[in-house]
Protein backbone atom coordinates (compact mmCIF):
# COMPACT_ATOMS: atom_id res chain seq x y z
CA MET A 1 123.89 54.02 164.46
CA LYS A 2 120.55 52.21 164.21
CA ASP A 3 118.73 54.71 166.37
CA LEU A 4 119.69 57.39 163.39
CA GLU A 5 118.60 54.81 160.49
CA GLY A 6 114.32 56.22 159.15
CA ARG A 7 114.57 59.37 160.83
CA LEU A 8 115.12 62.52 159.24
CA LEU A 9 117.52 65.22 159.32
CA GLU A 10 116.80 68.91 159.78
CA TYR A 11 119.70 69.24 157.66
CA GLU A 12 118.89 70.70 154.08
CA THR A 13 121.81 69.32 152.73
CA VAL A 14 124.76 67.12 153.49
CA GLY A 15 127.08 70.14 153.31
CA LYS A 16 124.64 71.68 155.90
CA PHE A 17 125.25 68.59 157.99
CA LEU A 18 129.26 68.13 157.28
CA ALA A 19 129.51 72.05 158.54
CA ASP A 20 127.94 71.39 161.74
CA ILE A 21 130.18 68.41 162.40
CA ARG A 22 132.79 70.00 161.37
CA LYS A 23 132.23 73.43 163.52
CA GLU A 24 131.88 70.87 166.62
CA PHE A 25 135.03 68.48 166.43
CA GLU A 26 137.02 71.88 165.37
CA GLY A 27 140.02 72.49 167.53
CA ARG A 28 140.37 68.79 169.36
CA ASP A 29 142.93 67.26 166.15
CA GLU A 30 144.95 70.37 168.02
CA GLU A 31 144.68 69.25 171.17
CA ILE A 32 145.35 65.86 170.74
CA VAL A 33 148.99 66.36 167.65
CA LYS A 34 149.24 68.84 171.29
CA VAL A 35 148.69 65.83 174.14
CA ALA A 36 150.62 63.77 171.36
CA GLU A 37 153.91 66.10 171.35
CA LEU A 38 153.47 67.14 175.15
CA LYS A 39 153.79 62.67 176.20
CA ARG A 40 157.15 62.22 173.84
CA ILE A 41 159.46 64.80 174.46
CA GLU A 42 161.37 64.08 177.36
CA GLN A 43 165.05 65.88 178.22
CA GLY A 44 167.14 63.76 176.64
CA GLY A 45 170.41 65.32 176.13
CA LYS A 46 168.73 69.20 176.52
CA THR A 47 169.28 71.32 179.51
CA LEU A 48 166.88 71.88 181.96
CA GLU A 49 166.51 75.49 180.24
CA LYS A 50 166.39 74.41 177.48
CA PHE A 51 163.54 71.20 178.25
CA ILE A 52 162.08 73.50 179.55
CA GLN A 53 161.27 75.81 177.07
CA GLU A 54 160.41 73.07 175.02
CA PHE A 55 157.75 71.66 176.96
CA ARG A 56 156.21 74.55 177.56
CA LYS A 57 155.67 75.38 174.52
CA ALA A 58 154.24 71.58 174.26
CA VAL A 59 151.32 72.18 176.81
CA ARG A 60 149.89 75.16 175.24
CA GLY A 61 146.37 73.96 174.09
CA SER A 62 146.45 70.30 175.37
CA ARG A 63 144.68 70.97 177.79
CA TYR A 64 147.07 69.61 180.53
CA LYS A 65 146.48 70.99 184.25
CA GLY A 66 147.69 70.27 187.77
CA ARG A 67 148.52 66.92 188.79
CA PRO A 68 148.80 65.16 185.24
CA LEU A 69 150.78 68.40 184.09
CA VAL A 70 152.89 67.20 186.61
CA LYS A 71 153.29 63.90 186.38
CA GLU A 72 154.14 64.74 182.88
CA PHE A 73 157.01 66.69 183.80
CA LYS A 74 158.62 64.30 186.13
CA ARG A 75 158.13 61.65 183.71
CA ASP A 76 159.92 63.72 180.89
CA ILE A 77 162.92 64.93 182.79
CA ASN A 78 166.31 63.17 183.37
CA GLU A 79 166.46 61.89 186.98
CA MET A 80 169.34 63.01 188.52
CA ILE A 81 171.89 60.91 190.51
CA TYR A 82 172.63 62.27 194.20
């Protein structure tokens, strides 16, 4: 922040500056919400089929892939007792 103090900005108005900030970070709130939803979901009393449907819905937009996604899925399903 100290580096920015005293410097001239290349924006004519604060509105244009804020518009660029919004454009840069657009969609990140949705991603954060999706990740939180993915971490909160669990099978509980749902059938595995119903849980998988909800899990897939939560994954969309979360940017989870590969091992982290598999790890999250395993954490969320009920343990099967044999």
